[in-house]
Amino acid sequence: MAARRLMWVAWPAFLAAGMLEMLVFALVDPHDLHWLGRALDWSAMAVYTASFFAFWAVAMAGSALTLLLAAPEMVSGRPGD
């Protein structure tokens, strides 16, 4: 059951991170990014990778919060528990 709950969190977050990645980098050039006032000297692939994992982590936190706030029978998997 724990693996199923993990997939309830990870899979929708993965899809959301992929969509967010496409939307953000359709508008932002990774070579134009700055961090603390300095140009970010990463390759485009490094920026894409780091941002994807950051987006995934934020989306997983949102999915986990949804699971936490779900009805008890959703979390336990047994009705009336």
PDB file of N, CA and C in Angstrom:
ATOM      1  N   MET A   1       0.818  -1.192   0.000  1.00  0.00           N
ATOM      2  CA  MET A   1       0.000   0.000   0.000  1.00  0.00           C
ATOM      3  C   MET A   1       0.865   1.261   0.000  1.00  0.00           C
ATOM      4  N   ALA A   2       2.035   1.198   0.642  1.00  0.00           N
ATOM      5  CA  ALA A   2       2.918   2.377   0.681  1.00  0.00           C
ATOM      6  C   ALA A   2       3.414   2.735  -0.718  1.00  0.00           C
ATOM      7  N   ALA A   3       3.706   1.724  -1.523  1.00  0.00           N
ATOM      8  CA  ALA A   3       4.152   1.991  -2.896  1.00  0.00           C
ATOM      9  C   ALA A   3       3.043   2.642  -3.703  1.00  0.00           C
ATOM     10  N   ARG A   4       1.822   2.225  -3.480  1.00  0.00           N
ATOM     11  CA  ARG A   4       0.684   2.818  -4.190  1.00  0.00           C
ATOM     12  C   ARG A   4       0.519   4.290  -3.783  1.00  0.00           C
ATOM     13  N   ARG A   5       0.628   4.573  -2.491  1.00  0.00           N
ATOM     14  CA  ARG A   5       0.510   5.962  -2.029  1.00  0.00           C
ATOM     15  C   ARG A   5       1.644   6.818  -2.591  1.00  0.00           C
ATOM     16  N   LEU A   6       2.845   6.252  -2.669  1.00  0.00           N
ATOM     17  CA  LEU A   6       3.969   6.982  -3.247  1.00  0.00           C
ATOM     18  C   LEU A   6       3.682   7.328  -4.706  1.00  0.00           C
ATOM     19  N   MET A   7       3.099   6.404  -5.434  1.00  0.00           N
ATOM     20  CA  MET A   7       2.770   6.683  -6.829  1.00  0.00           C
ATOM     21  C   MET A   7       1.626   7.686  -6.954  1.00  0.00           C
ATOM     22  N   TRP A   8       0.721   7.732  -5.981  1.00  0.00           N
ATOM     23  CA  TRP A   8      -0.323   8.753  -5.979  1.00  0.00           C
ATOM     24  C   TRP A   8       0.287  10.146  -5.876  1.00  0.00           C
ATOM     25  N   VAL A   9       1.441  10.226  -5.246  1.00  0.00           N
ATOM     26  CA  VAL A   9       2.131  11.504  -5.081  1.00  0.00           C
ATOM     27  C   VAL A   9       3.089  11.759  -6.243  1.00  0.00           C
ATOM     28  N   ALA A  10       3.921  10.775  -6.575  1.00  0.00           N
ATOM     29  CA  ALA A  10       5.018  10.989  -7.520  1.00  0.00           C
ATOM     30  C   ALA A  10       4.563  11.119  -8.975  1.00  0.00           C
ATOM     31  N   TRP A  11       3.619  10.296  -9.399  1.00  0.00           N
ATOM     32  CA  TRP A  11       3.251  10.294 -10.821  1.00  0.00           C
ATOM     33  C   TRP A  11       2.559  11.584 -11.257  1.00  0.00           C
ATOM     34  N   PRO A  12       1.520  12.067 -10.552  1.00  0.00           N
ATOM     35  CA  PRO A  12       0.930  13.342 -10.977  1.00  0.00           C
ATOM     36  C   PRO A  12       1.930  14.492 -10.866  1.00  0.00           C
ATOM     37  N   ALA A  13       2.806  14.440  -9.870  1.00  0.00           N
ATOM     38  CA  ALA A  13       3.822  15.485  -9.724  1.00  0.00           C
ATOM     39  C   ALA A  13       4.808  15.451 -10.889  1.00  0.00           C
ATOM     40  N   PHE A  14       5.159  14.263 -11.344  1.00  0.00           N
ATOM     41  CA  PHE A  14       6.054  14.127 -12.489  1.00  0.00           C
ATOM     42  C   PHE A  14       5.435  14.751 -13.740  1.00  0.00           C
ATOM     43  N   LEU A  15       4.161  14.452 -13.973  1.00  0.00           N
ATOM     44  CA  LEU A  15       3.470  15.014 -15.132  1.00  0.00           C
ATOM     45  C   LEU A  15       3.356  16.534 -15.030  1.00  0.00           C
ATOM     46  N   ALA A  16       3.051  17.031 -13.834  1.00  0.00           N
ATOM     47  CA  ALA A  16       2.951  18.478 -13.639  1.00  0.00           C
ATOM     48  C   ALA A  16       4.300  19.154 -13.845  1.00  0.00           C
ATOM     49  N   ALA A  17       5.369  18.536 -13.353  1.00  0.00           N
ATOM     50  CA  ALA A  17       6.710  19.103 -13.524  1.00  0.00           C
ATOM     51  C   ALA A  17       7.097  19.148 -15.000  1.00  0.00           C
ATOM     52  N   GLY A  18       6.749  18.118 -15.736  1.00  0.00           N
ATOM     53  CA  GLY A  18       7.043  18.107 -17.174  1.00  0.00           C
ATOM     54  C   GLY A  18       6.310  19.210 -17.913  1.00  0.00           C
ATOM     55  N   MET A  19       5.036  19.402 -17.579  1.00  0.00           N
ATOM     56  CA  MET A  19       4.262  20.475 -18.217  1.00  0.00           C
ATOM     57  C   MET A  19       4.802  21.847 -17.826  1.00  0.00           C
ATOM     58  N   LEU A  20       5.130  22.032 -16.555  1.00  0.00           N
ATOM     59  CA  LEU A  20       5.671  23.304 -16.100  1.00  0.00           C
ATOM     60  C   LEU A  20       7.013  23.597 -16.749  1.00  0.00           C
ATOM     61  N   GLU A  21       7.829  22.574 -16.894  1.00  0.00           N
ATOM     62  CA  GLU A  21       9.126  22.722 -17.569  1.00  0.00           C
ATOM     63  C   GLU A  21       8.939  23.232 -19.001  1.00  0.00           C
ATOM     64  N   MET A  22       8.002  22.630 -19.719  1.00  0.00           N
ATOM     65  CA  MET A  22       7.752  23.059 -21.101  1.00  0.00           C
ATOM     66  C   MET A  22       7.231  24.493 -21.154  1.00  0.00           C
ATOM     67  N   LEU A  23       6.333  24.831 -20.257  1.00  0.00           N
ATOM     68  CA  LEU A  23       5.779  26.186 -20.249  1.00  0.00           C
ATOM     69  C   LEU A  23       6.827  27.235 -19.898  1.00  0.00           C
ATOM     70  N   VAL A  24       7.618  26.979 -18.874  1.00  0.00           N
ATOM     71  CA  VAL A  24       8.618  27.960 -18.436  1.00  0.00           C
ATOM     72  C   VAL A  24       9.675  28.167 -19.511  1.00  0.00           C
ATOM     73  N   PHE A  25      10.208  27.086 -20.054  1.00  0.00           N
ATOM     74  CA  PHE A  25      11.314  27.238 -20.994  1.00  0.00           C
ATOM     75  C   PHE A  25      10.849  27.510 -22.427  1.00  0.00           C
ATOM     76  N   ALA A  26       9.548  27.586 -22.638  1.00  0.00           N
ATOM     77  CA  ALA A  26       9.054  28.133 -23.892  1.00  0.00           C
ATOM     78  C   ALA A  26       9.173  29.654 -23.873  1.00  0.00           C
ATOM     79  N   LEU A  27       9.242  30.218 -22.664  1.00  0.00           N
ATOM     80  CA  LEU A  27       9.311  31.669 -22.504  1.00  0.00           C
ATOM     81  C   LEU A  27      10.668  32.179 -22.013  1.00  0.00           C
ATOM     82  N   VAL A  28      11.463  31.319 -21.382  1.00  0.00           N
ATOM     83  CA  VAL A  28      12.718  31.729 -20.755  1.00  0.00           C
ATOM     84  C   VAL A  28      13.890  31.025 -21.420  1.00  0.00           C
ATOM     85  N   ASP A  29      14.908  31.785 -21.763  1.00  0.00           N
ATOM     86  CA  ASP A  29      16.142  31.211 -22.300  1.00  0.00           C
ATOM     87  C   ASP A  29      17.077  30.897 -21.132  1.00  0.00           C
ATOM     88  N   PRO A  30      17.512  29.640 -20.982  1.00  0.00           N
ATOM     89  CA  PRO A  30      18.346  29.293 -19.833  1.00  0.00           C
ATOM     90  C   PRO A  30      19.669  30.051 -19.784  1.00  0.00           C
ATOM     91  N   HIS A  31      20.144  30.568 -20.902  1.00  0.00           N
ATOM     92  CA  HIS A  31      21.403  31.309 -20.916  1.00  0.00           C
ATOM     93  C   HIS A  31      21.229  32.739 -20.394  1.00  0.00           C
ATOM     94  N   ASP A  32      19.994  33.207 -20.258  1.00  0.00           N
ATOM     95  CA  ASP A  32      19.722  34.551 -19.752  1.00  0.00           C
ATOM     96  C   ASP A  32      19.463  34.581 -18.255  1.00  0.00           C
ATOM     97  N   LEU A  33      19.560  33.447 -17.578  1.00  0.00           N
ATOM     98  CA  LEU A  33      19.256  33.392 -16.156  1.00  0.00           C
ATOM     99  C   LEU A  33      20.392  33.957 -15.314  1.00  0.00           C
ATOM    100  N   HIS A  34      20.017  34.604 -14.206  1.00  0.00           N
ATOM    101  CA  HIS A  34      20.981  35.154 -13.253  1.00  0.00           C
ATOM    102  C   HIS A  34      20.630  34.645 -11.864  1.00  0.00           C
ATOM    103  N   TRP A  35      21.648  34.464 -11.025  1.00  0.00           N
ATOM    104  CA  TRP A  35      21.458  34.018  -9.654  1.00  0.00           C
ATOM    105  C   TRP A  35      22.267  34.943  -8.761  1.00  0.00           C
ATOM    106  N   LEU A  36      21.588  35.630  -7.853  1.00  0.00           N
ATOM    107  CA  LEU A  36      22.217  36.579  -6.931  1.00  0.00           C
ATOM    108  C   LEU A  36      23.006  37.652  -7.677  1.00  0.00           C
ATOM    109  N   GLY A  37      22.456  38.136  -8.771  1.00  0.00           N
ATOM    110  CA  GLY A  37      23.063  39.207  -9.529  1.00  0.00           C
ATOM    111  C   GLY A  37      24.166  38.800 -10.480  1.00  0.00           C
ATOM    112  N   ARG A  38      24.476  37.522 -10.552  1.00  0.00           N
ATOM    113  CA  ARG A  38      25.532  37.038 -11.447  1.00  0.00           C
ATOM    114  C   ARG A  38      24.927  36.098 -12.473  1.00  0.00           C
ATOM    115  N   ALA A  39      25.530  36.084 -13.639  1.00  0.00           N
ATOM    116  CA  ALA A  39      25.064  35.175 -14.687  1.00  0.00           C
ATOM    117  C   ALA A  39      25.257  33.730 -14.237  1.00  0.00           C
ATOM    118  N   LEU A  40      24.296  32.906 -14.518  1.00  0.00           N
ATOM    119  CA  LEU A  40      24.366  31.487 -14.171  1.00  0.00           C
ATOM    120  C   LEU A  40      25.187  30.783 -15.245  1.00  0.00           C
ATOM    121  N   ASP A  41      26.352  30.281 -14.876  1.00  0.00           N
ATOM    122  CA  ASP A  41      27.282  29.685 -15.846  1.00  0.00           C
ATOM    123  C   ASP A  41      27.068  28.183 -16.002  1.00  0.00           C
ATOM    124  N   TRP A  42      25.831  27.769 -16.101  1.00  0.00           N
ATOM    125  CA  TRP A  42      25.499  26.365 -16.309  1.00  0.00           C
ATOM    126  C   TRP A  42      25.146  26.147 -17.774  1.00  0.00           C
ATOM    127  N   SER A  43      25.314  24.924 -18.212  1.00  0.00           N
ATOM    128  CA  SER A  43      24.860  24.594 -19.559  1.00  0.00           C
ATOM    129  C   SER A  43      23.325  24.584 -19.575  1.00  0.00           C
ATOM    130  N   ALA A  44      22.756  24.670 -20.747  1.00  0.00           N
ATOM    131  CA  ALA A  44      21.292  24.650 -20.861  1.00  0.00           C
ATOM    132  C   ALA A  44      20.726  23.345 -20.304  1.00  0.00           C
ATOM    133  N   MET A  45      21.397  22.235 -20.564  1.00  0.00           N
ATOM    134  CA  MET A  45      20.916  20.945 -20.067  1.00  0.00           C
ATOM    135  C   MET A  45      20.934  20.898 -18.541  1.00  0.00           C
ATOM    136  N   ALA A  46      21.950  21.485 -17.915  1.00  0.00           N
ATOM    137  CA  ALA A  46      22.015  21.523 -16.447  1.00  0.00           C
ATOM    138  C   ALA A  46      20.876  22.361 -15.879  1.00  0.00           C
ATOM    139  N   VAL A  47      20.563  23.475 -16.523  1.00  0.00           N
ATOM    140  CA  VAL A  47      19.447  24.320 -16.077  1.00  0.00           C
ATOM    141  C   VAL A  47      18.136  23.573 -16.218  1.00  0.00           C
ATOM    142  N   TYR A  48      17.937  22.906 -17.352  1.00  0.00           N
ATOM    143  CA  TYR A  48      16.709  22.138 -17.564  1.00  0.00           C
ATOM    144  C   TYR A  48      16.562  21.043 -16.509  1.00  0.00           C
ATOM    145  N   THR A  49      17.648  20.339 -16.235  1.00  0.00           N
ATOM    146  CA  THR A  49      17.612  19.239 -15.278  1.00  0.00           C
ATOM    147  C   THR A  49      17.333  19.726 -13.868  1.00  0.00           C
ATOM    148  N   ALA A  50      18.068  20.738 -13.422  1.00  0.00           N
ATOM    149  CA  ALA A  50      17.882  21.259 -12.066  1.00  0.00           C
ATOM    150  C   ALA A  50      16.482  21.837 -11.888  1.00  0.00           C
ATOM    151  N   SER A  51      16.004  22.551 -12.886  1.00  0.00           N
ATOM    152  CA  SER A  51      14.669  23.133 -12.759  1.00  0.00           C
ATOM    153  C   SER A  51      13.594  22.053 -12.781  1.00  0.00           C
ATOM    154  N   PHE A  52      13.774  21.010 -13.574  1.00  0.00           N
ATOM    155  CA  PHE A  52      12.787  19.925 -13.579  1.00  0.00           C
ATOM    156  C   PHE A  52      12.681  19.296 -12.199  1.00  0.00           C
ATOM    157  N   PHE A  53      13.824  19.001 -11.572  1.00  0.00           N
ATOM    158  CA  PHE A  53      13.773  18.387 -10.243  1.00  0.00           C
ATOM    159  C   PHE A  53      13.220  19.344  -9.198  1.00  0.00           C
ATOM    160  N   ALA A  54      13.475  20.638  -9.340  1.00  0.00           N
ATOM    161  CA  ALA A  54      12.878  21.614  -8.419  1.00  0.00           C
ATOM    162  C   ALA A  54      11.364  21.664  -8.615  1.00  0.00           C
ATOM    163  N   PHE A  55      10.904  21.700  -9.875  1.00  0.00           N
ATOM    164  CA  PHE A  55       9.470  21.699 -10.150  1.00  0.00           C
ATOM    165  C   PHE A  55       8.825  20.412  -9.632  1.00  0.00           C
ATOM    166  N   TRP A  56       9.511  19.299  -9.811  1.00  0.00           N
ATOM    167  CA  TRP A  56       8.979  18.007  -9.360  1.00  0.00           C
ATOM    168  C   TRP A  56       8.855  17.983  -7.837  1.00  0.00           C
ATOM    169  N   ALA A  57       9.847  18.513  -7.140  1.00  0.00           N
ATOM    170  CA  ALA A  57       9.805  18.539  -5.678  1.00  0.00           C
ATOM    171  C   ALA A  57       8.637  19.385  -5.174  1.00  0.00           C
ATOM    172  N   VAL A  58       8.419  20.532  -5.797  1.00  0.00           N
ATOM    173  CA  VAL A  58       7.305  21.398  -5.385  1.00  0.00           C
ATOM    174  C   VAL A  58       5.969  20.724  -5.689  1.00  0.00           C
ATOM    175  N   ALA A  59       5.856  20.114  -6.845  1.00  0.00           N
ATOM    176  CA  ALA A  59       4.614  19.420  -7.200  1.00  0.00           C
ATOM    177  C   ALA A  59       4.381  18.210  -6.305  1.00  0.00           C
ATOM    178  N   MET A  60       5.447  17.513  -5.914  1.00  0.00           N
ATOM    179  CA  MET A  60       5.299  16.383  -4.993  1.00  0.00           C
ATOM    180  C   MET A  60       4.830  16.858  -3.631  1.00  0.00           C
ATOM    181  N   ALA A  61       5.322  18.004  -3.184  1.00  0.00           N
ATOM    182  CA  ALA A  61       4.864  18.548  -1.906  1.00  0.00           C
ATOM    183  C   ALA A  61       3.369  18.854  -1.972  1.00  0.00           C
ATOM    184  N   GLY A  62       2.918  19.417  -3.078  1.00  0.00           N
ATOM    185  CA  GLY A  62       1.489  19.683  -3.237  1.00  0.00           C
ATOM    186  C   GLY A  62       0.666  18.408  -3.292  1.00  0.00           C
ATOM    187  N   SER A  63       1.150  17.405  -3.990  1.00  0.00           N
ATOM    188  CA  SER A  63       0.440  16.120  -4.059  1.00  0.00           C
ATOM    189  C   SER A  63       0.417  15.430  -2.701  1.00  0.00           C
ATOM    190  N   ALA A  64       1.519  15.510  -1.980  1.00  0.00           N
ATOM    191  CA  ALA A  64       1.572  14.891  -0.654  1.00  0.00           C
ATOM    192  C   ALA A  64       0.622  15.594   0.310  1.00  0.00           C
ATOM    193  N   LEU A  65       0.535  16.905   0.212  1.00  0.00           N
ATOM    194  CA  LEU A  65      -0.400  17.646   1.056  1.00  0.00           C
ATOM    195  C   LEU A  65      -1.837  17.262   0.731  1.00  0.00           C
ATOM    196  N   THR A  66      -2.141  17.092  -0.544  1.00  0.00           N
ATOM    197  CA  THR A  66      -3.475  16.645  -0.943  1.00  0.00           C
ATOM    198  C   THR A  66      -3.774  15.281  -0.357  1.00  0.00           C
ATOM    199  N   LEU A  67      -2.816  14.366  -0.415  1.00  0.00           N
ATOM    200  CA  LEU A  67      -3.011  13.027   0.146  1.00  0.00           C
ATOM    201  C   LEU A  67      -3.197  13.101   1.656  1.00  0.00           C
ATOM    202  N   LEU A  68      -2.441  13.969   2.312  1.00  0.00           N
ATOM    203  CA  LEU A  68      -2.547  14.119   3.759  1.00  0.00           C
ATOM    204  C   LEU A  68      -3.926  14.637   4.154  1.00  0.00           C
ATOM    205  N   LEU A  69      -4.458  15.558   3.362  1.00  0.00           N
ATOM    206  CA  LEU A  69      -5.758  16.152   3.682  1.00  0.00           C
ATOM    207  C   LEU A  69      -6.940  15.362   3.142  1.00  0.00           C
ATOM    208  N   ALA A  70      -6.659  14.275   2.421  1.00  0.00           N
ATOM    209  CA  ALA A  70      -7.730  13.457   1.838  1.00  0.00           C
ATOM    210  C   ALA A  70      -8.523  12.765   2.940  1.00  0.00           C
ATOM    211  N   ALA A  71      -9.675  12.258   2.550  1.00  0.00           N
ATOM    212  CA  ALA A  71     -10.496  11.516   3.498  1.00  0.00           C
ATOM    213  C   ALA A  71      -9.719  10.314   4.029  1.00  0.00           C
ATOM    214  N   PRO A  72      -9.925   9.940   5.282  1.00  0.00           N
ATOM    215  CA  PRO A  72      -9.172   8.820   5.863  1.00  0.00           C
ATOM    216  C   PRO A  72      -9.292   7.525   5.068  1.00  0.00           C
ATOM    217  N   GLU A  73     -10.450   7.272   4.441  1.00  0.00           N
ATOM    218  CA  GLU A  73     -10.581   6.021   3.689  1.00  0.00           C
ATOM    219  C   GLU A  73      -9.727   6.031   2.427  1.00  0.00           C
ATOM    220  N   MET A  74      -9.396   7.212   1.901  1.00  0.00           N
ATOM    221  CA  MET A  74      -8.494   7.283   0.757  1.00  0.00           C
ATOM    222  C   MET A  74      -7.086   6.906   1.166  1.00  0.00           C
ATOM    223  N   VAL A  75      -6.660   7.338   2.327  1.00  0.00           N
ATOM    224  CA  VAL A  75      -5.293   7.116   2.779  1.00  0.00           C
ATOM    225  C   VAL A  75      -5.114   5.665   3.220  1.00  0.00           C
ATOM    226  N   SER A  76      -6.056   5.137   3.980  1.00  0.00           N
ATOM    227  CA  SER A  76      -5.898   3.774   4.495  1.00  0.00           C
ATOM    228  C   SER A  76      -6.243   2.733   3.451  1.00  0.00           C
ATOM    229  N   GLY A  77      -7.085   3.085   2.480  1.00  0.00           N
ATOM    230  CA  GLY A  77      -7.471   2.129   1.461  1.00  0.00           C
ATOM    231  C   GLY A  77      -8.635   1.260   1.868  1.00  0.00           C
ATOM    232  N   ARG A  78      -9.129   1.457   3.100  1.00  0.00           N
ATOM    233  CA  ARG A  78     -10.252   0.665   3.589  1.00  0.00           C
ATOM    234  C   ARG A  78     -11.407   1.604   3.933  1.00  0.00           C
ATOM    235  N   PRO A  79     -12.591   1.364   3.400  1.00  0.00           N
ATOM    236  CA  PRO A  79     -13.722   2.234   3.708  1.00  0.00           C
ATOM    237  C   PRO A  79     -14.088   2.161   5.182  1.00  0.00           C
ATOM    238  N   GLY A  80     -14.425   3.317   5.742  1.00  0.00           N
ATOM    239  CA  GLY A  80     -14.866   3.375   7.127  1.00  0.00           C
ATOM    240  C   GLY A  80     -13.750   3.247   8.142  1.00  0.00           C
ATOM    241  N   ASP A  81     -12.513   3.317   7.730  1.00  0.00           N
ATOM    242  CA  ASP A  81     -11.388   3.166   8.661  1.00  0.00           C
ATOM    243  C   ASP A  81     -10.961   4.494   9.214  1.00  0.00           C
TER     244      ASP A  81
END
